[in-house]
N, C-alpha and C. Protein backbone atom coordinates (compact mmCIF):
# COMPACT_ATOMS: atom_id res chain seq x y z
N PHE A 1 -7.94 -10.48 0.07
CA PHE A 1 -7.27 -10.61 1.46
C PHE A 1 -6.87 -11.98 1.99
N GLY A 2 -7.66 -12.76 1.39
CA GLY A 2 -7.85 -14.01 2.09
C GLY A 2 -6.18 -14.79 2.10
N ALA A 3 -5.97 -14.43 0.44
CA ALA A 3 -4.62 -15.29 0.21
C ALA A 3 -3.30 -14.52 1.39
N LEU A 4 -3.41 -13.19 0.96
CA LEU A 4 -2.53 -12.30 1.64
C LEU A 4 -2.50 -13.33 3.19
N ALA A 5 -3.93 -13.15 3.64
CA ALA A 5 -3.48 -13.37 5.28
C ALA A 5 -3.03 -14.88 5.65
N GLY A 6 -3.39 -16.04 4.30
CA GLY A 6 -2.98 -16.85 4.76
C GLY A 6 -1.62 -17.19 4.68
N TYR A 7 -0.96 -16.42 3.28
CA TYR A 7 0.62 -16.82 3.56
C TYR A 7 1.01 -16.38 5.02
N LEU A 8 0.40 -15.38 5.08
CA LEU A 8 1.03 -14.63 6.97
C LEU A 8 1.04 -15.70 7.66
N PHE A 9 -0.28 -16.29 7.81
CA PHE A 9 -0.63 -17.34 8.77
C PHE A 9 -0.08 -18.78 8.19
N GLY A 10 0.56 -18.90 7.67
CA GLY A 10 1.41 -20.19 7.42
C GLY A 10 1.44 -20.80 6.47
N LYS A 11 0.04 -20.14 5.31
CA LYS A 11 0.66 -21.24 3.75
C LYS A 11 1.73 -20.48 3.75
N ASN A 12 2.61 -21.11 3.86
CA ASN A 12 4.08 -20.41 2.93
C ASN A 12 4.81 -21.99 3.07
N SER A 13 6.03 -21.71 2.56
CA SER A 13 6.86 -22.44 1.98
C SER A 13 7.86 -23.27 3.37
N GLU A 14 7.58 -22.33 4.30
CA GLU A 14 7.98 -23.13 5.73
C GLU A 14 6.83 -23.30 6.68
N GLN A 15 5.96 -23.16 5.89
CA GLN A 15 4.42 -23.39 7.23
C GLN A 15 4.78 -22.77 8.35
N SER A 16 4.79 -21.50 8.45
CA SER A 16 5.36 -20.53 9.76
C SER A 16 3.99 -19.18 9.71
N SER A 17 4.00 -18.91 10.79
CA SER A 17 2.91 -17.90 10.87
C SER A 17 4.37 -17.02 11.27
N MET A 18 3.46 -15.44 10.72
CA MET A 18 4.60 -13.88 10.90
C MET A 18 3.36 -13.31 11.61
N ALA A 19 3.58 -12.29 11.83
CA ALA A 19 2.86 -11.14 12.76
C ALA A 19 2.24 -10.17 11.44
N MET A 20 1.32 -10.00 11.20
CA MET A 20 0.08 -9.08 10.65
C MET A 20 0.76 -7.58 11.12
N THR A 21 0.74 -6.99 9.68
CA THR A 21 1.45 -5.64 9.79
C THR A 21 0.52 -4.73 8.98
N SER A 22 0.28 -3.63 9.10
CA SER A 22 -0.34 -2.60 8.93
C SER A 22 0.58 -1.48 8.28
N PRO A 23 0.37 -0.60 7.43
CA PRO A 23 -1.14 -0.91 6.56
C PRO A 23 -1.31 -1.77 5.54
N VAL A 24 -2.35 -2.02 5.36
CA VAL A 24 -2.77 -3.06 3.90
C VAL A 24 -2.94 -1.90 2.87
N PHE A 25 -2.22 -2.07 1.97
CA PHE A 25 -2.47 -1.40 0.66
C PHE A 25 -3.25 -2.07 -0.14
N THR A 26 -4.52 -1.11 -0.82
CA THR A 26 -4.51 -1.79 -1.91
C THR A 26 -4.85 -0.04 -3.14
N SER A 27 -4.90 -1.70 -4.76
CA SER A 27 -4.74 -0.01 -5.68
C SER A 27 -5.33 -0.85 -6.79
N ASN A 28 -5.75 -0.08 -7.97
CA ASN A 28 -6.24 -0.55 -9.05
C ASN A 28 -4.82 -0.48 -9.83
N ALA A 29 -4.47 -1.16 -9.86
CA ALA A 29 -2.69 -0.38 -10.80
C ALA A 29 -3.03 -0.37 -12.40
N GLY A 30 -3.62 0.69 -12.97
CA GLY A 30 -3.55 0.72 -14.59
C GLY A 30 -4.18 0.04 -14.92
N GLY A 31 -5.95 -0.34 -13.92
CA GLY A 31 -7.29 -0.66 -14.66
C GLY A 31 -7.18 -2.42 -14.52
N LYS A 32 -6.35 -2.98 -14.04
CA LYS A 32 -5.91 -4.50 -13.87
C LYS A 32 -6.72 -4.69 -12.46
N ASP A 33 -6.94 -6.28 -11.79
CA ASP A 33 -7.42 -6.45 -11.14
C ASP A 33 -6.71 -5.86 -10.00
N ARG A 34 -7.51 -5.45 -8.80
CA ARG A 34 -7.06 -5.16 -7.67
C ARG A 34 -6.36 -5.87 -6.88
N GLU A 35 -4.76 -4.92 -6.86
CA GLU A 35 -3.81 -5.27 -5.69
C GLU A 35 -4.05 -5.18 -4.21
N MET A 36 -3.67 -5.64 -4.09
CA MET A 36 -3.55 -6.06 -2.19
C MET A 36 -1.75 -5.89 -1.77
N SER A 37 -1.51 -5.42 -0.52
CA SER A 37 0.23 -5.32 -0.17
C SER A 37 -0.17 -5.65 0.78
N PHE A 38 1.50 -4.92 1.51
CA PHE A 38 1.75 -5.05 3.08
C PHE A 38 2.97 -5.16 3.22
N VAL A 39 3.43 -4.51 3.75
CA VAL A 39 4.94 -4.45 4.46
C VAL A 39 5.36 -5.82 5.28
N MET A 40 6.34 -5.94 4.70
CA MET A 40 6.83 -7.88 5.52
C MET A 40 7.71 -6.87 6.65
N PRO A 41 7.71 -8.22 8.35
CA PRO A 41 8.03 -7.01 9.22
C PRO A 41 9.51 -7.08 8.44
N SER A 42 10.25 -6.42 9.71
CA SER A 42 11.61 -6.10 9.43
C SER A 42 12.50 -7.23 9.29
N ASP A 43 11.78 -7.87 10.39
CA ASP A 43 12.81 -9.57 10.52
C ASP A 43 13.20 -9.88 9.01
N TYR A 44 12.14 -9.38 7.57
CA TYR A 44 13.17 -10.25 6.63
C TYR A 44 13.54 -9.63 5.21
N TRP A 45 14.10 -8.34 5.61
CA TRP A 45 14.18 -7.40 5.10
C TRP A 45 16.22 -7.43 5.24
N ALA A 46 16.65 -7.15 3.79
CA ALA A 46 18.07 -7.81 3.49
C ALA A 46 18.19 -6.29 3.04
N GLU A 47 19.59 -6.04 3.64
CA GLU A 47 20.32 -4.99 2.71
C GLU A 47 20.35 -5.32 1.36
N ASP A 48 20.73 -6.96 0.95
CA ASP A 48 21.09 -6.58 -0.54
C ASP A 48 19.38 -6.45 -1.60
N GLY A 49 18.35 -6.54 -0.66
CA GLY A 49 17.72 -6.37 -1.34
C GLY A 49 16.97 -7.98 -1.76
N VAL A 50 17.57 -9.14 -1.00
CA VAL A 50 16.70 -10.67 -1.01
C VAL A 50 16.52 -10.71 0.28
N THR A 51 14.69 -11.36 0.17
CA THR A 51 14.25 -11.53 1.81
C THR A 51 14.54 -12.79 2.33
N SER A 52 14.67 -12.53 3.27
CA SER A 52 14.46 -14.27 4.17
C SER A 52 13.05 -15.03 4.29
N ALA A 53 12.55 -14.13 3.89
CA ALA A 53 10.97 -14.57 4.50
C ALA A 53 10.60 -15.64 3.55
N PRO A 54 9.64 -16.60 4.16
CA PRO A 54 9.17 -17.48 3.22
C PRO A 54 8.29 -17.83 1.85
N GLN A 55 8.95 -18.37 1.16
CA GLN A 55 8.01 -18.14 -0.28
C GLN A 55 6.61 -18.97 -0.48
N PRO A 56 5.79 -18.09 -0.61
CA PRO A 56 4.29 -18.29 -1.58
C PRO A 56 4.69 -19.84 -1.98
N LEU A 57 3.64 -20.33 -2.08
CA LEU A 57 2.82 -21.32 -2.22
C LEU A 57 2.56 -21.43 -3.62
N ASP A 58 3.29 -22.40 -4.55
CA ASP A 58 2.93 -22.17 -5.84
C ASP A 58 1.44 -22.03 -6.52
N GLY A 59 0.60 -21.31 -7.48
CA GLY A 59 -1.12 -21.01 -7.42
C GLY A 59 -1.53 -20.16 -6.25
N SER A 60 -0.50 -19.72 -5.20
CA SER A 60 -1.76 -18.57 -3.87
C SER A 60 -1.99 -17.79 -4.68
N GLY A 61 -1.24 -16.85 -5.84
CA GLY A 61 -1.63 -15.92 -5.84
C GLY A 61 -0.82 -14.26 -5.14
N VAL A 62 0.41 -14.85 -4.20
CA VAL A 62 0.90 -14.44 -3.48
C VAL A 62 2.37 -14.05 -3.88
N LYS A 63 2.61 -12.79 -3.95
CA LYS A 63 4.69 -12.75 -4.55
C LYS A 63 5.06 -11.93 -3.55
N LEU A 64 6.01 -12.19 -3.40
CA LEU A 64 7.52 -11.09 -3.11
C LEU A 64 7.99 -10.30 -4.04
N GLN A 65 8.00 -8.47 -3.65
CA GLN A 65 8.72 -7.54 -4.20
C GLN A 65 9.10 -6.95 -3.05
N ARG A 66 10.39 -6.62 -3.79
CA ARG A 66 10.19 -5.38 -2.81
C ARG A 66 10.24 -3.99 -3.21
N ASN A 67 10.33 -3.13 -2.76
CA ASN A 67 10.08 -1.62 -2.61
C ASN A 67 11.28 -0.88 -2.84
N GLY A 68 11.65 -0.17 -3.54
CA GLY A 68 12.64 0.39 -3.49
C GLY A 68 12.30 2.07 -2.75
N GLY A 69 11.49 2.15 -2.16
CA GLY A 69 10.90 3.71 -1.54
C GLY A 69 11.16 4.38 -2.25
N GLY A 70 11.37 5.30 -1.31
CA GLY A 70 10.41 6.85 -2.36
C GLY A 70 10.06 7.46 -1.68
N THR A 71 9.38 8.69 -1.92
CA THR A 71 8.40 10.24 -1.24
C THR A 71 6.79 9.79 -1.93
N ARG A 72 6.18 10.19 -1.32
CA ARG A 72 4.91 10.23 -1.27
C ARG A 72 3.84 11.25 -0.77
N ALA A 73 3.17 11.71 -1.54
CA ALA A 73 1.97 12.79 -1.02
C ALA A 73 0.58 11.85 -0.48
N VAL A 74 0.33 12.07 0.12
CA VAL A 74 -0.88 11.38 1.42
C VAL A 74 -2.00 12.41 1.53
N VAL A 75 -3.16 12.26 1.70
CA VAL A 75 -4.16 12.43 1.91
C VAL A 75 -4.87 11.74 3.39
N MET A 76 -4.83 12.15 4.93
CA MET A 76 -5.15 11.22 5.35
C MET A 76 -6.78 11.20 5.97
N PHE A 77 -7.54 10.03 6.59
CA PHE A 77 -8.83 10.57 6.64
C PHE A 77 -9.24 9.15 8.01
N GLY A 78 -9.95 9.55 8.52
CA GLY A 78 -11.00 8.52 9.36
C GLY A 78 -12.33 7.83 8.77
N GLY A 79 -12.62 6.68 9.29
CA GLY A 79 -13.60 6.25 9.09
C GLY A 79 -13.64 5.05 7.94
N PHE A 80 -15.10 4.54 7.71
CA PHE A 80 -14.64 3.34 6.79
C PHE A 80 -14.35 3.57 5.56
N ALA A 81 -12.83 3.47 4.76
CA ALA A 81 -13.10 3.47 3.48
C ALA A 81 -13.95 3.42 2.67
N SER A 82 -15.33 3.99 2.21
CA SER A 82 -16.09 3.68 1.41
C SER A 82 -15.89 3.84 -0.18
N LYS A 83 -16.39 3.32 -1.01
CA LYS A 83 -15.51 3.79 -2.44
C LYS A 83 -15.95 5.28 -2.63
N SER A 84 -17.00 5.83 -2.33
CA SER A 84 -17.03 7.45 -2.73
C SER A 84 -16.19 8.03 -1.86
N ASP A 85 -15.96 7.69 -0.51
CA ASP A 85 -14.58 8.14 0.35
C ASP A 85 -13.26 8.32 -0.58
N VAL A 86 -13.04 7.10 -0.68
CA VAL A 86 -11.87 7.39 -1.67
C VAL A 86 -11.25 7.84 -2.91
N ALA A 87 -12.79 8.12 -3.73
CA ALA A 87 -12.83 9.23 -4.82
C ALA A 87 -12.51 10.70 -4.60
N LYS A 88 -12.91 10.71 -3.18
CA LYS A 88 -13.21 11.80 -3.23
C LYS A 88 -11.80 12.19 -2.75
N ARG A 89 -11.38 11.88 -1.69
CA ARG A 89 -9.98 12.08 -1.13
C ARG A 89 -9.00 12.21 -2.54
N LYS A 90 -8.79 10.57 -3.19
CA LYS A 90 -8.03 10.52 -4.52
C LYS A 90 -8.39 11.98 -5.15
N GLU A 91 -9.42 12.52 -5.37
CA GLU A 91 -9.77 13.70 -6.15
C GLU A 91 -8.70 14.80 -5.47
N GLN A 92 -8.89 14.76 -3.51
CA GLN A 92 -8.74 16.17 -3.49
C GLN A 92 -6.29 16.24 -3.28
N LEU A 93 -6.56 14.75 -3.08
CA LEU A 93 -4.69 14.59 -3.29
C LEU A 93 -4.36 15.28 -5.39
N LEU A 94 -4.74 14.88 -5.84
CA LEU A 94 -4.32 15.17 -6.82
C LEU A 94 -4.51 16.49 -7.74
N GLU A 95 -6.01 17.09 -7.45
CA GLU A 95 -5.63 18.31 -7.39
C GLU A 95 -4.84 19.19 -6.60
N GLY A 96 -4.47 18.81 -5.32
CA GLY A 96 -3.52 19.27 -4.47
C GLY A 96 -2.25 19.49 -5.03
N LEU A 97 -1.97 18.14 -5.34
CA LEU A 97 -0.77 18.48 -6.19
C LEU A 97 -0.44 18.97 -7.56
N LYS A 98 -1.50 19.58 -8.26
CA LYS A 98 -1.82 20.38 -9.53
C LYS A 98 -0.92 21.55 -8.94
N VAL A 99 -1.56 22.53 -7.67
CA VAL A 99 -0.74 23.20 -7.55
C VAL A 99 0.02 23.47 -6.18
N ASP A 100 0.91 21.97 -6.48
CA ASP A 100 2.43 22.40 -5.67
C ASP A 100 3.13 22.68 -6.40
N ARG A 101 4.02 23.46 -5.72
CA ARG A 101 5.30 23.74 -6.49
C ARG A 101 6.21 23.13 -6.24
N ASP A 102 6.38 22.38 -5.18
CA ASP A 102 7.30 21.11 -4.83
C ASP A 102 7.54 19.95 -5.13
N TYR A 103 6.49 19.84 -5.86
CA TYR A 103 6.45 17.75 -5.81
C TYR A 103 5.36 18.12 -6.62
N GLU A 104 5.46 16.53 -7.83
CA GLU A 104 4.23 16.53 -9.29
C GLU A 104 4.33 15.22 -8.66
N VAL A 105 3.39 14.12 -9.30
CA VAL A 105 2.80 13.31 -9.33
C VAL A 105 4.31 12.16 -10.38
N LYS A 106 5.01 11.03 -9.47
CA LYS A 106 5.82 10.21 -10.32
C LYS A 106 5.04 9.54 -11.17
N GLU A 107 5.68 9.48 -12.73
CA GLU A 107 4.95 8.97 -13.66
C GLU A 107 5.16 7.47 -13.49
N GLY A 108 3.99 7.44 -13.95
CA GLY A 108 3.24 5.82 -13.73
C GLY A 108 3.08 5.28 -12.32
N SER A 109 2.98 6.52 -11.35
CA SER A 109 2.59 5.93 -10.08
C SER A 109 0.86 5.77 -10.10
N THR A 110 0.55 5.27 -9.49
CA THR A 110 -1.21 4.60 -9.47
C THR A 110 -1.24 5.24 -7.83
N VAL A 111 -2.36 5.43 -7.40
CA VAL A 111 -2.72 5.92 -6.34
C VAL A 111 -3.11 4.57 -5.56
N ALA A 112 -2.76 4.63 -3.94
CA ALA A 112 -3.26 3.40 -2.78
C ALA A 112 -3.79 3.72 -2.19
N LEU A 113 -4.93 3.00 -1.97
CA LEU A 113 -5.60 3.24 -0.50
C LEU A 113 -5.06 2.54 0.65
N ALA A 114 -4.25 2.79 1.63
CA ALA A 114 -3.55 2.80 2.78
C ALA A 114 -4.48 2.03 3.82
N GLN A 115 -4.93 1.23 4.68
CA GLN A 115 -5.46 1.10 5.58
C GLN A 115 -4.74 0.47 7.04
N TYR A 116 -5.18 1.29 8.32
CA TYR A 116 -4.11 0.57 9.06
C TYR A 116 -5.36 -0.48 10.32
N ASN A 117 -6.08 -0.55 10.11
CA ASN A 117 -6.77 -1.01 11.29
C ASN A 117 -7.38 -2.50 10.74
N ASP A 118 -7.82 -3.26 12.15
CA ASP A 118 -8.47 -4.28 11.30
C ASP A 118 -9.60 -4.57 11.22
N PRO A 119 -10.46 -5.09 10.84
CA PRO A 119 -12.03 -5.31 9.95
C PRO A 119 -13.02 -4.49 10.93
N PHE A 120 -12.16 -4.92 12.34
CA PHE A 120 -13.27 -4.68 13.92
C PHE A 120 -13.15 -3.32 14.19
N THR A 121 -12.21 -2.57 13.93
CA THR A 121 -12.35 -1.70 14.65
C THR A 121 -12.84 -0.30 14.42
N PRO A 122 -13.63 0.26 15.06
CA PRO A 122 -14.77 0.81 15.15
C PRO A 122 -14.81 2.27 14.31
N GLY A 123 -15.55 2.63 13.23
CA GLY A 123 -14.84 3.70 12.42
C GLY A 123 -14.76 4.97 12.94
N TRP A 124 -14.89 5.70 14.20
CA TRP A 124 -14.25 6.26 15.02
C TRP A 124 -13.12 6.54 15.40
N LYS A 125 -12.49 5.13 14.79
CA LYS A 125 -11.19 4.60 15.23
C LYS A 125 -10.48 4.63 14.30
N ARG A 126 -10.91 4.82 13.31
CA ARG A 126 -9.82 3.90 12.20
C ARG A 126 -8.60 5.34 11.61
N ARG A 127 -7.87 4.84 10.57
CA ARG A 127 -7.05 5.72 10.31
C ARG A 127 -6.98 4.61 8.76
N ASN A 128 -6.85 5.54 7.73
CA ASN A 128 -6.92 5.50 6.39
C ASN A 128 -6.09 6.49 5.81
N GLU A 129 -4.91 6.30 4.20
CA GLU A 129 -4.71 7.49 3.90
C GLU A 129 -4.75 6.90 2.06
N ILE A 130 -4.87 8.34 1.56
CA ILE A 130 -4.81 8.06 0.09
C ILE A 130 -3.04 8.29 -0.23
N ALA A 131 -2.74 7.74 -1.08
CA ALA A 131 -1.18 8.23 -1.06
C ALA A 131 -0.58 7.53 -2.66
N ILE A 132 -0.05 8.53 -3.53
CA ILE A 132 0.97 8.34 -4.46
C ILE A 132 2.26 8.86 -4.31
N ASP A 133 3.11 8.04 -5.73
CA ASP A 133 4.53 8.89 -5.43
C ASP A 133 4.43 10.19 -6.17
N VAL A 134 5.32 10.64 -5.63
CA VAL A 134 5.66 11.83 -5.79
C VAL A 134 7.32 11.91 -5.82
N VAL A 135 7.68 12.79 -6.58
CA VAL A 135 9.41 13.20 -7.24
C VAL A 135 9.19 14.87 -7.01
N PRO A 136 10.33 15.89 -6.93
CA PRO A 136 10.39 17.12 -6.59
C PRO A 136 10.05 17.65 -8.16
N ALA A 137 9.08 18.47 -7.70
CA ALA A 137 8.80 19.07 -9.15
C ALA A 137 9.42 20.02 -10.39
N SER A 138 9.90 19.52 -11.47
CA SER A 138 10.72 19.98 -12.47
C SER A 138 10.83 21.52 -12.27
N SER A 139 11.47 22.23 -12.82
CA SER A 139 11.98 23.78 -12.38
C SER A 139 11.65 23.99 -13.73
N SER A 140 10.63 23.77 -14.64
CA SER A 140 10.57 24.71 -15.58
C SER A 140 9.78 25.53 -15.96
N GLY A 141 9.18 26.24 -14.57
CA GLY A 141 8.04 27.45 -14.54
C GLY A 141 8.74 28.46 -14.12
């Protein structure tokens, strides 16, 4: 989180601060190290896919990447997102998709945790989601 926060608060090519957005996404893509990301404020979006956002500093570990969008299946839950809560909700989401007739998990997709609150928000006011990219189910049944 520190690298992303640093980028947002001025450790970037323009030394400019940006608004913090939510949610913050975390995932373990393909068993690699945990990845963390956030959605850039709309001021930095461009129709052609090129961003006008300040560039990350070399060696910061931060990279800018455009997500092409799509559809996600989501399970929402409150409280602090403990490892056991995340595992339980992930299983709940994947089990639900196994029986869903309309959508299936997009090939190569990984489960992401979306957290919408700052670390100081009390558990009873927190919002979290487990999300995964989905596509319309094939009509082979």
